[in-house]
Amino acid sequence: MKPFVLIAEDEKAVAELLRYNLEREGYETAVAPDGDEAMILLDERVPDLVLLDWMLPKVPGIEVCRRIRSRAETANLPVIMLTARSEEADRIRGLDTGADDYVTKPFSTTELMARVRAVLRRIRPALIEDKITVGDITIDRTTHTVSRDNEDIHLGPTEFRLLDYFIQHPGRVFSREQLLDGVWGSDVYVEVRTVDVHVGRLRKALMSRGGDDPIRTVRSAGYSLRGNNG
């Protein structure tokens, strides 16, 4: 069952960015453009996590967070607050209101997705699959380790994130631009050819103990990780 995330955000571009990245990582989403709508959606279905903008119209995010914590059915609901307020006093106020985490805008989507996983892993561990196996490759996000055919594979941090991204979508072909956006983030400038370098390093590491090449190069399209059936 997919984890369900409620996005309470009035900026359409930010809400769409969040929705796109969450759904790409396998989450189900709903979007509320103001605090009133957020509370209505919460009444209809309790999500597994809320991404909550501080400056929502009608009912501010900080008040939505208070109401979430005051209701028995949502008292333990994970909340990550998003805000342009970066002062320490505001962060403390947000956390004291009951937010589980606090992310300042503008934010890195890659970091935010990691924070979503971290909060769910801590509060709703059954929803997050820490160990994933595709073919003879296993990645463990908790221990940050990779093995192939039960042999440990040592990867650098970028290669680990790249494999993590591939392994979530086995068989799917990603262009270099999609990999840049998904692994490095849309807010970081990296040359497209950098993708080829890191794919090469990942491929070399995965084949260091033998075995077939698990990464497929698709001419004029990009790269994919071979699925369980090759």
C-alpha atoms as a PDB file:
ATOM      1  CA  MET A   1       0.000   0.000   0.000  1.00  0.00           C
ATOM      2  CA  LYS A   2       1.409   3.393  -1.006  1.00  0.00           C
ATOM      3  CA  PRO A   3       2.057   5.930   1.771  1.00  0.00           C
ATOM      4  CA  PHE A   4      -0.447   8.816   1.467  1.00  0.00           C
ATOM      5  CA  VAL A   5       0.899  12.377   1.801  1.00  0.00           C
ATOM      6  CA  LEU A   6      -1.271  15.488   2.124  1.00  0.00           C
ATOM      7  CA  ILE A   7       0.379  18.576   0.605  1.00  0.00           C
ATOM      8  CA  ALA A   8      -1.024  21.772   2.145  1.00  0.00           C
ATOM      9  CA  GLU A   9       0.557  24.493  -0.012  1.00  0.00           C
ATOM     10  CA  ASP A  10      -0.992  27.557  -1.674  1.00  0.00           C
ATOM     11  CA  GLU A  11       1.808  28.241  -4.189  1.00  0.00           C
ATOM     12  CA  LYS A  12       0.746  26.200  -7.222  1.00  0.00           C
ATOM     13  CA  ALA A  13       4.279  25.767  -8.591  1.00  0.00           C
ATOM     14  CA  VAL A  14       5.601  24.514  -5.236  1.00  0.00           C
ATOM     15  CA  ALA A  15       2.600  22.210  -4.729  1.00  0.00           C
ATOM     16  CA  GLU A  16       3.065  20.724  -8.201  1.00  0.00           C
ATOM     17  CA  LEU A  17       6.799  20.240  -7.601  1.00  0.00           C
ATOM     18  CA  LEU A  18       6.075  18.408  -4.352  1.00  0.00           C
ATOM     19  CA  ARG A  19       3.311  16.307  -5.888  1.00  0.00           C
ATOM     20  CA  TYR A  20       5.489  15.337  -8.863  1.00  0.00           C
ATOM     21  CA  ASN A  21       8.477  14.301  -6.756  1.00  0.00           C
ATOM     22  CA  LEU A  22       6.413  12.404  -4.188  1.00  0.00           C
ATOM     23  CA  GLU A  23       4.453  10.463  -6.802  1.00  0.00           C
ATOM     24  CA  ARG A  24       7.664   9.697  -8.661  1.00  0.00           C
ATOM     25  CA  GLU A  25       8.967   8.066  -5.476  1.00  0.00           C
ATOM     26  CA  GLY A  26       5.830   5.977  -5.085  1.00  0.00           C
ATOM     27  CA  TYR A  27       3.656   8.065  -2.748  1.00  0.00           C
ATOM     28  CA  GLU A  28      -0.038   8.800  -3.162  1.00  0.00           C
ATOM     29  CA  THR A  29      -0.822  12.520  -2.784  1.00  0.00           C
ATOM     30  CA  ALA A  30      -3.596  15.058  -2.312  1.00  0.00           C
ATOM     31  CA  VAL A  31      -3.182  18.842  -2.477  1.00  0.00           C
ATOM     32  CA  ALA A  32      -4.930  21.469  -0.348  1.00  0.00           C
ATOM     33  CA  PRO A  33      -4.470  25.128  -1.422  1.00  0.00           C
ATOM     34  CA  ASP A  34      -5.543  26.578   1.951  1.00  0.00           C
ATOM     35  CA  GLY A  35      -5.994  25.642   5.594  1.00  0.00           C
ATOM     36  CA  ASP A  36      -9.750  25.101   5.358  1.00  0.00           C
ATOM     37  CA  GLU A  37      -9.339  22.620   2.503  1.00  0.00           C
ATOM     38  CA  ALA A  38      -6.537  20.868   4.417  1.00  0.00           C
ATOM     39  CA  MET A  39      -8.861  20.290   7.380  1.00  0.00           C
ATOM     40  CA  ILE A  40     -11.649  19.036   5.077  1.00  0.00           C
ATOM     41  CA  LEU A  41      -9.284  16.545   3.437  1.00  0.00           C
ATOM     42  CA  LEU A  42      -8.053  15.441   6.870  1.00  0.00           C
ATOM     43  CA  ASP A  43     -11.664  14.735   7.871  1.00  0.00           C
ATOM     44  CA  GLU A  44     -12.187  12.661   4.724  1.00  0.00           C
ATOM     45  CA  ARG A  45      -9.035  10.590   5.044  1.00  0.00           C
ATOM     46  CA  VAL A  46      -6.152  10.687   7.520  1.00  0.00           C
ATOM     47  CA  PRO A  47      -2.863  10.709   5.580  1.00  0.00           C
ATOM     48  CA  ASP A  48       0.387   9.077   6.608  1.00  0.00           C
ATOM     49  CA  LEU A  49       2.206  12.434   6.575  1.00  0.00           C
ATOM     50  CA  VAL A  50       1.426  16.125   5.997  1.00  0.00           C
ATOM     51  CA  LEU A  51       3.662  18.629   4.222  1.00  0.00           C
ATOM     52  CA  LEU A  52       2.316  21.846   5.715  1.00  0.00           C
ATOM     53  CA  ASP A  53       3.072  25.396   4.551  1.00  0.00           C
ATOM     54  CA  TRP A  54       3.222  27.906   7.420  1.00  0.00           C
ATOM     55  CA  MET A  55       1.617  30.787   5.458  1.00  0.00           C
ATOM     56  CA  LEU A  56      -1.579  29.116   4.214  1.00  0.00           C
ATOM     57  CA  PRO A  57      -4.624  31.293   3.391  1.00  0.00           C
ATOM     58  CA  LYS A  58      -7.803  31.125   5.529  1.00  0.00           C
ATOM     59  CA  VAL A  59      -6.341  28.955   8.299  1.00  0.00           C
ATOM     60  CA  PRO A  60      -2.552  29.408   8.759  1.00  0.00           C
ATOM     61  CA  GLY A  61      -0.392  26.288   8.746  1.00  0.00           C
ATOM     62  CA  ILE A  62       0.652  26.799  12.347  1.00  0.00           C
ATOM     63  CA  GLU A  63      -3.052  26.678  13.362  1.00  0.00           C
ATOM     64  CA  VAL A  64      -3.660  23.608  11.177  1.00  0.00           C
ATOM     65  CA  CYS A  65      -0.774  21.923  13.018  1.00  0.00           C
ATOM     66  CA  ARG A  66      -2.343  22.835  16.394  1.00  0.00           C
ATOM     67  CA  ARG A  67      -5.685  21.353  15.309  1.00  0.00           C
ATOM     68  CA  ILE A  68      -3.989  18.184  14.058  1.00  0.00           C
ATOM     69  CA  ARG A  69      -2.328  17.694  17.434  1.00  0.00           C
ATOM     70  CA  SER A  70      -5.537  18.449  19.377  1.00  0.00           C
ATOM     71  CA  ARG A  71      -7.575  15.686  17.689  1.00  0.00           C
ATOM     72  CA  ALA A  72      -7.244  12.105  18.919  1.00  0.00           C
ATOM     73  CA  GLU A  73      -7.343  10.588  15.406  1.00  0.00           C
ATOM     74  CA  THR A  74      -4.496  12.807  14.147  1.00  0.00           C
ATOM     75  CA  ALA A  75      -2.525  13.504  17.328  1.00  0.00           C
ATOM     76  CA  ASN A  76       0.394  11.337  16.175  1.00  0.00           C
ATOM     77  CA  LEU A  77       0.204  12.264  12.480  1.00  0.00           C
ATOM     78  CA  PRO A  78       3.696  13.148  11.127  1.00  0.00           C
ATOM     79  CA  VAL A  79       3.932  16.809  10.035  1.00  0.00           C
ATOM     80  CA  ILE A  80       6.761  18.487   8.153  1.00  0.00           C
ATOM     81  CA  MET A  81       6.357  22.263   8.114  1.00  0.00           C
ATOM     82  CA  LEU A  82       7.476  24.255   5.067  1.00  0.00           C
ATOM     83  CA  THR A  83       8.152  27.940   5.491  1.00  0.00           C
ATOM     84  CA  ALA A  84      10.092  30.963   4.284  1.00  0.00           C
ATOM     85  CA  ARG A  85      10.649  31.897   7.925  1.00  0.00           C
ATOM     86  CA  SER A  86      14.241  31.017   8.748  1.00  0.00           C
ATOM     87  CA  GLU A  87      14.706  32.707  12.133  1.00  0.00           C
ATOM     88  CA  GLU A  88      15.474  30.430  15.066  1.00  0.00           C
ATOM     89  CA  ALA A  89      12.447  31.690  17.038  1.00  0.00           C
ATOM     90  CA  ASP A  90      10.125  30.708  14.188  1.00  0.00           C
ATOM     91  CA  ARG A  91      11.677  27.249  13.900  1.00  0.00           C
ATOM     92  CA  ILE A  92      11.258  26.716  17.633  1.00  0.00           C
ATOM     93  CA  ARG A  93       7.646  27.930  17.469  1.00  0.00           C
ATOM     94  CA  GLY A  94       6.898  25.522  14.619  1.00  0.00           C
ATOM     95  CA  LEU A  95       8.451  22.571  16.437  1.00  0.00           C
ATOM     96  CA  ASP A  96       6.780  23.511  19.718  1.00  0.00           C
ATOM     97  CA  THR A  97       3.422  23.549  17.940  1.00  0.00           C
ATOM     98  CA  GLY A  98       3.966  19.898  17.098  1.00  0.00           C
ATOM     99  CA  ALA A  99       5.780  19.739  13.763  1.00  0.00           C
ATOM    100  CA  ASP A 100       8.095  16.732  13.435  1.00  0.00           C
ATOM    101  CA  ASP A 101      10.462  18.568  11.100  1.00  0.00           C
ATOM    102  CA  TYR A 102      10.889  22.089   9.730  1.00  0.00           C
ATOM    103  CA  VAL A 103      12.148  22.878   6.211  1.00  0.00           C
ATOM    104  CA  THR A 104      12.977  26.397   5.075  1.00  0.00           C
ATOM    105  CA  LYS A 105      12.149  27.606   1.566  1.00  0.00           C
ATOM    106  CA  PRO A 106      13.734  27.488  -0.923  1.00  0.00           C
ATOM    107  CA  PHE A 107      14.543  23.844  -0.323  1.00  0.00           C
ATOM    108  CA  SER A 108      16.307  21.045  -2.163  1.00  0.00           C
ATOM    109  CA  THR A 109      13.709  18.524  -3.361  1.00  0.00           C
ATOM    110  CA  THR A 110      16.254  15.726  -2.925  1.00  0.00           C
ATOM    111  CA  GLU A 111      16.805  16.707   0.717  1.00  0.00           C
ATOM    112  CA  LEU A 112      13.075  17.107   1.340  1.00  0.00           C
ATOM    113  CA  MET A 113      12.343  13.625  -0.030  1.00  0.00           C
ATOM    114  CA  ALA A 114      15.043  12.272   2.285  1.00  0.00           C
ATOM    115  CA  ARG A 115      13.417  14.088   5.219  1.00  0.00           C
ATOM    116  CA  VAL A 116      10.016  12.616   4.305  1.00  0.00           C
ATOM    117  CA  ARG A 117      11.536   9.127   4.319  1.00  0.00           C
ATOM    118  CA  ALA A 118      13.337   9.821   7.599  1.00  0.00           C
ATOM    119  CA  VAL A 119      10.191  11.029   9.390  1.00  0.00           C
ATOM    120  CA  LEU A 120       8.111   8.111   8.107  1.00  0.00           C
ATOM    121  CA  ARG A 121      10.885   5.664   8.970  1.00  0.00           C
ATOM    122  CA  ARG A 122      10.979   7.007  12.523  1.00  0.00           C
ATOM    123  CA  ILE A 123       7.227   7.317  13.120  1.00  0.00           C
ATOM    124  CA  ARG A 124       5.642   4.872  10.640  1.00  0.00           C
ATOM    125  CA  PRO A 125       8.467   2.392   9.938  1.00  0.00           C
ATOM    126  CA  ALA A 126       6.187  -0.200   8.347  1.00  0.00           C
ATOM    127  CA  LEU A 127       5.511   2.196   5.444  1.00  0.00           C
ATOM    128  CA  ILE A 128       9.122   2.607   4.373  1.00  0.00           C
ATOM    129  CA  GLU A 129      10.927  -0.275   2.749  1.00  0.00           C
ATOM    130  CA  ASP A 130      14.554   0.108   3.806  1.00  0.00           C
ATOM    131  CA  LYS A 131      15.887  -2.956   2.000  1.00  0.00           C
ATOM    132  CA  ILE A 132      15.063  -3.450  -1.676  1.00  0.00           C
ATOM    133  CA  THR A 133      16.275  -6.235  -3.953  1.00  0.00           C
ATOM    134  CA  VAL A 134      16.192  -6.217  -7.744  1.00  0.00           C
ATOM    135  CA  GLY A 135      17.733  -9.255  -9.406  1.00  0.00           C
ATOM    136  CA  ASP A 136      20.894 -10.056  -7.467  1.00  0.00           C
ATOM    137  CA  ILE A 137      21.383  -6.460  -6.218  1.00  0.00           C
ATOM    138  CA  THR A 138      20.243  -5.412  -2.735  1.00  0.00           C
ATOM    139  CA  ILE A 139      20.330  -1.877  -1.352  1.00  0.00           C
ATOM    140  CA  ASP A 140      19.806  -1.147   2.347  1.00  0.00           C
ATOM    141  CA  ARG A 141      18.990   2.499   3.064  1.00  0.00           C
ATOM    142  CA  THR A 142      19.286   2.091   6.832  1.00  0.00           C
ATOM    143  CA  THR A 143      22.863   0.813   6.835  1.00  0.00           C
ATOM    144  CA  HIS A 144      23.715   2.581   3.548  1.00  0.00           C
ATOM    145  CA  THR A 145      25.100  -0.656   2.119  1.00  0.00           C
ATOM    146  CA  VAL A 146      24.851  -2.448  -1.220  1.00  0.00           C
ATOM    147  CA  SER A 147      25.461  -6.076  -2.096  1.00  0.00           C
ATOM    148  CA  ARG A 148      25.362  -8.103  -5.280  1.00  0.00           C
ATOM    149  CA  ASP A 149      24.918 -11.851  -5.094  1.00  0.00           C
ATOM    150  CA  ASN A 150      25.572 -11.523  -1.330  1.00  0.00           C
ATOM    151  CA  GLU A 151      28.941  -9.828  -1.942  1.00  0.00           C
ATOM    152  CA  ASP A 152      29.423  -6.333  -0.493  1.00  0.00           C
ATOM    153  CA  ILE A 153      29.770  -3.526  -3.045  1.00  0.00           C
ATOM    154  CA  HIS A 154      31.384  -0.243  -2.016  1.00  0.00           C
ATOM    155  CA  LEU A 155      29.804   2.869  -3.542  1.00  0.00           C
ATOM    156  CA  GLY A 156      30.435   6.581  -3.190  1.00  0.00           C
ATOM    157  CA  PRO A 157      27.519   8.759  -1.968  1.00  0.00           C
ATOM    158  CA  THR A 158      26.494   9.889  -5.462  1.00  0.00           C
ATOM    159  CA  GLU A 159      26.627   6.362  -6.870  1.00  0.00           C
ATOM    160  CA  PHE A 160      24.538   5.156  -3.904  1.00  0.00           C
ATOM    161  CA  ARG A 161      21.853   7.797  -4.609  1.00  0.00           C
ATOM    162  CA  LEU A 162      21.955   6.923  -8.302  1.00  0.00           C
ATOM    163  CA  LEU A 163      21.464   3.212  -7.611  1.00  0.00           C
ATOM    164  CA  ASP A 164      18.714   4.016  -5.093  1.00  0.00           C
ATOM    165  CA  TYR A 165      16.909   5.992  -7.784  1.00  0.00           C
ATOM    166  CA  PHE A 166      17.330   3.264 -10.407  1.00  0.00           C
ATOM    167  CA  ILE A 167      16.249   0.494  -8.057  1.00  0.00           C
ATOM    168  CA  GLN A 168      12.956   2.236  -7.261  1.00  0.00           C
ATOM    169  CA  HIS A 169      12.051   1.976 -10.966  1.00  0.00           C
ATOM    170  CA  PRO A 170      13.668  -1.191 -12.374  1.00  0.00           C
ATOM    171  CA  GLY A 171      13.418  -1.445 -16.131  1.00  0.00           C
ATOM    172  CA  ARG A 172      12.389   2.174 -16.611  1.00  0.00           C
ATOM    173  CA  VAL A 173      14.596   4.217 -18.947  1.00  0.00           C
ATOM    174  CA  PHE A 174      15.701   7.606 -17.619  1.00  0.00           C
ATOM    175  CA  SER A 175      17.212  10.358 -19.731  1.00  0.00           C
ATOM    176  CA  ARG A 176      20.312  12.119 -18.433  1.00  0.00           C
ATOM    177  CA  GLU A 177      18.193  15.174 -17.645  1.00  0.00           C
ATOM    178  CA  GLN A 178      15.738  13.083 -15.610  1.00  0.00           C
ATOM    179  CA  LEU A 179      18.598  11.538 -13.662  1.00  0.00           C
ATOM    180  CA  LEU A 180      20.069  14.974 -12.988  1.00  0.00           C
ATOM    181  CA  ASP A 181      16.732  16.184 -11.647  1.00  0.00           C
ATOM    182  CA  GLY A 182      15.996  13.034  -9.653  1.00  0.00           C
ATOM    183  CA  VAL A 183      19.433  12.372  -8.141  1.00  0.00           C
ATOM    184  CA  TRP A 184      21.116  15.769  -7.959  1.00  0.00           C
ATOM    185  CA  GLY A 185      17.978  17.926  -7.720  1.00  0.00           C
ATOM    186  CA  SER A 186      16.585  20.593 -10.027  1.00  0.00           C
ATOM    187  CA  ASP A 187      18.118  23.377  -7.930  1.00  0.00           C
ATOM    188  CA  VAL A 188      21.718  22.167  -8.437  1.00  0.00           C
ATOM    189  CA  TYR A 189      23.660  22.919 -11.617  1.00  0.00           C
ATOM    190  CA  VAL A 190      25.530  19.863 -12.881  1.00  0.00           C
ATOM    191  CA  GLU A 191      26.626  19.242 -16.448  1.00  0.00           C
ATOM    192  CA  VAL A 192      24.743  16.502 -18.271  1.00  0.00           C
ATOM    193  CA  ARG A 193      27.934  14.567 -19.040  1.00  0.00           C
ATOM    194  CA  THR A 194      28.459  14.197 -15.259  1.00  0.00           C
ATOM    195  CA  VAL A 195      25.680  11.604 -15.356  1.00  0.00           C
ATOM    196  CA  ASP A 196      27.726   9.444 -17.742  1.00  0.00           C
ATOM    197  CA  VAL A 197      30.722   9.620 -15.385  1.00  0.00           C
ATOM    198  CA  HIS A 198      28.743   8.475 -12.345  1.00  0.00           C
ATOM    199  CA  VAL A 199      26.833   5.803 -14.258  1.00  0.00           C
ATOM    200  CA  GLY A 200      30.214   4.495 -15.398  1.00  0.00           C
ATOM    201  CA  ARG A 201      31.482   4.411 -11.810  1.00  0.00           C
ATOM    202  CA  LEU A 202      28.314   2.688 -10.608  1.00  0.00           C
ATOM    203  CA  ARG A 203      28.510   0.130 -13.397  1.00  0.00           C
ATOM    204  CA  LYS A 204      32.188  -0.576 -12.629  1.00  0.00           C
ATOM    205  CA  ALA A 205      31.488  -1.046  -8.909  1.00  0.00           C
ATOM    206  CA  LEU A 206      28.530  -3.364  -9.523  1.00  0.00           C
ATOM    207  CA  MET A 207      30.628  -5.496 -11.873  1.00  0.00           C
ATOM    208  CA  SER A 208      33.746  -5.500  -9.681  1.00  0.00           C
ATOM    209  CA  ARG A 209      33.053  -9.061  -8.503  1.00  0.00           C
ATOM    210  CA  GLY A 210      31.858 -10.365 -11.841  1.00  0.00           C
ATOM    211  CA  GLY A 211      28.413 -10.839 -13.268  1.00  0.00           C
ATOM    212  CA  ASP A 212      26.527  -9.303 -16.159  1.00  0.00           C
ATOM    213  CA  ASP A 213      26.206  -5.559 -16.633  1.00  0.00           C
ATOM    214  CA  PRO A 214      23.057  -4.615 -14.654  1.00  0.00           C
ATOM    215  CA  ILE A 215      22.744  -1.184 -16.267  1.00  0.00           C
ATOM    216  CA  ARG A 216      21.373  -0.918 -19.768  1.00  0.00           C
ATOM    217  CA  THR A 217      22.370   1.951 -22.046  1.00  0.00           C
ATOM    218  CA  VAL A 218      19.545   2.893 -24.399  1.00  0.00           C
ATOM    219  CA  ARG A 219      20.869   4.798 -27.389  1.00  0.00           C
ATOM    220  CA  SER A 220      19.505   8.361 -27.652  1.00  0.00           C
ATOM    221  CA  ALA A 221      17.329   7.744 -24.579  1.00  0.00           C
ATOM    222  CA  GLY A 222      19.401   7.178 -21.444  1.00  0.00           C
ATOM    223  CA  TYR A 223      19.930   4.432 -18.881  1.00  0.00           C
ATOM    224  CA  SER A 224      17.918   1.843 -16.978  1.00  0.00           C
ATOM    225  CA  LEU A 225      18.497  -0.815 -14.351  1.00  0.00           C
ATOM    226  CA  ARG A 226      17.639  -4.263 -15.645  1.00  0.00           C
ATOM    227  CA  GLY A 227      14.628  -5.723 -13.822  1.00  0.00           C
ATOM    228  CA  ASN A 228      14.312  -9.142 -12.232  1.00  0.00           C
ATOM    229  CA  ASN A 229      13.783 -10.648 -15.651  1.00  0.00           C
ATOM    230  CA  GLY A 230      16.787  -8.953 -17.271  1.00  0.00           C
END
